[in-house]
Amino acid sequence: MRGPLDISRTATTRVVHADRPREMQGTAALGPRTQARARWELTSAGTRTRVRLTAVVDEGSPGDRALLALAAASG
């Protein structure tokens, strides 16, 4: 994922439920301290698939919390 100030993070994700072909739900881990619930909404866009990711952070490291606050403030 890429966030504010072009900072990127790698998330390890796991799908735990799929409502094919529209939605997937699962978890995401960013390092050992940040854990989130994730939802991917899938919509057809011609020959491509558009993906909208929604995540709720359950536990976050101080650095990841600061990045999330910066992202929220920037719009």
Protein backbone atom coordinates (compact mmCIF):
# COMPACT_ATOMS: atom_id res chain seq x y z
CA MET A 1 0.00 0.00 0.00
CA ARG A 2 1.11 3.55 -0.63
CA GLY A 3 0.08 6.38 1.66
CA PRO A 4 0.76 10.04 2.33
CA LEU A 5 4.20 11.42 1.47
CA ASP A 6 4.59 8.41 -0.87
CA ILE A 7 5.32 6.16 2.14
CA SER A 8 4.65 2.51 1.39
CA ARG A 9 3.95 -0.44 3.68
CA THR A 10 3.62 -4.12 2.89
CA ALA A 11 0.65 -5.92 4.41
CA THR A 12 0.20 -9.65 4.83
CA THR A 13 -3.46 -10.39 4.12
CA ARG A 14 -5.72 -13.37 4.58
CA VAL A 15 -9.20 -13.82 3.11
CA VAL A 16 -11.55 -15.50 5.59
CA HIS A 17 -14.86 -15.03 3.75
CA ALA A 18 -15.82 -14.41 0.13
CA ASP A 19 -19.17 -13.37 -1.29
CA ARG A 20 -18.32 -14.07 -4.92
CA PRO A 21 -18.02 -12.12 -7.11
CA ARG A 22 -18.65 -8.93 -5.11
CA GLU A 23 -16.75 -8.95 -1.84
CA MET A 24 -14.01 -10.50 0.28
CA GLN A 25 -13.39 -10.07 4.00
CA GLY A 26 -10.30 -10.88 5.96
CA THR A 27 -7.38 -9.66 7.99
CA ALA A 28 -4.27 -7.61 7.34
CA ALA A 29 -1.05 -7.45 9.33
CA LEU A 30 1.54 -4.72 8.88
CA GLY A 31 4.52 -5.95 10.84
CA PRO A 32 4.18 -7.58 14.24
CA ARG A 33 2.16 -4.83 15.95
CA THR A 34 -0.47 -3.56 13.51
CA GLN A 35 -3.53 -5.72 12.92
CA ALA A 36 -6.66 -4.82 10.95
CA ARG A 37 -9.90 -6.21 9.60
CA ALA A 38 -10.15 -5.72 5.84
CA ARG A 39 -12.95 -5.69 3.29
CA TRP A 40 -12.41 -5.68 -0.47
CA GLU A 41 -15.36 -4.60 -2.65
CA LEU A 42 -14.99 -5.82 -6.24
CA THR A 43 -16.76 -4.23 -9.21
CA SER A 44 -16.42 -4.95 -12.89
CA ALA A 45 -14.82 -2.21 -14.98
CA GLY A 46 -14.85 -3.61 -18.50
CA THR A 47 -11.99 -6.11 -18.78
CA ARG A 48 -10.65 -5.04 -15.37
CA THR A 49 -11.77 -5.28 -11.78
CA ARG A 50 -11.98 -2.21 -9.57
CA VAL A 51 -11.11 -2.90 -5.91
CA ARG A 52 -12.11 -0.71 -2.98
CA LEU A 53 -10.32 -1.55 0.27
CA THR A 54 -11.79 -0.65 3.64
CA ALA A 55 -9.79 -1.43 6.78
CA VAL A 56 -10.44 -1.07 10.49
CA VAL A 57 -7.29 -1.03 12.59
CA ASP A 58 -7.74 -3.13 15.73
CA GLU A 59 -4.19 -2.70 17.04
CA GLY A 60 -1.60 -0.29 15.70
CA SER A 61 2.02 0.53 16.32
CA PRO A 62 2.74 4.18 17.17
CA GLY A 63 4.31 4.74 13.74
CA ASP A 64 1.37 3.25 11.86
CA ARG A 65 -1.09 5.25 13.98
CA ALA A 66 0.79 8.44 13.10
CA LEU A 67 0.66 7.58 9.37
CA LEU A 68 -3.08 6.91 9.61
CA ALA A 69 -3.67 10.24 11.35
CA LEU A 70 -1.62 12.02 8.66
CA ALA A 71 -3.60 10.29 5.92
CA ALA A 72 -6.93 11.23 7.53
CA ALA A 73 -5.85 14.86 7.91
CA SER A 74 -4.74 15.09 4.28
CA GLY A 75 -8.13 14.08 3.02
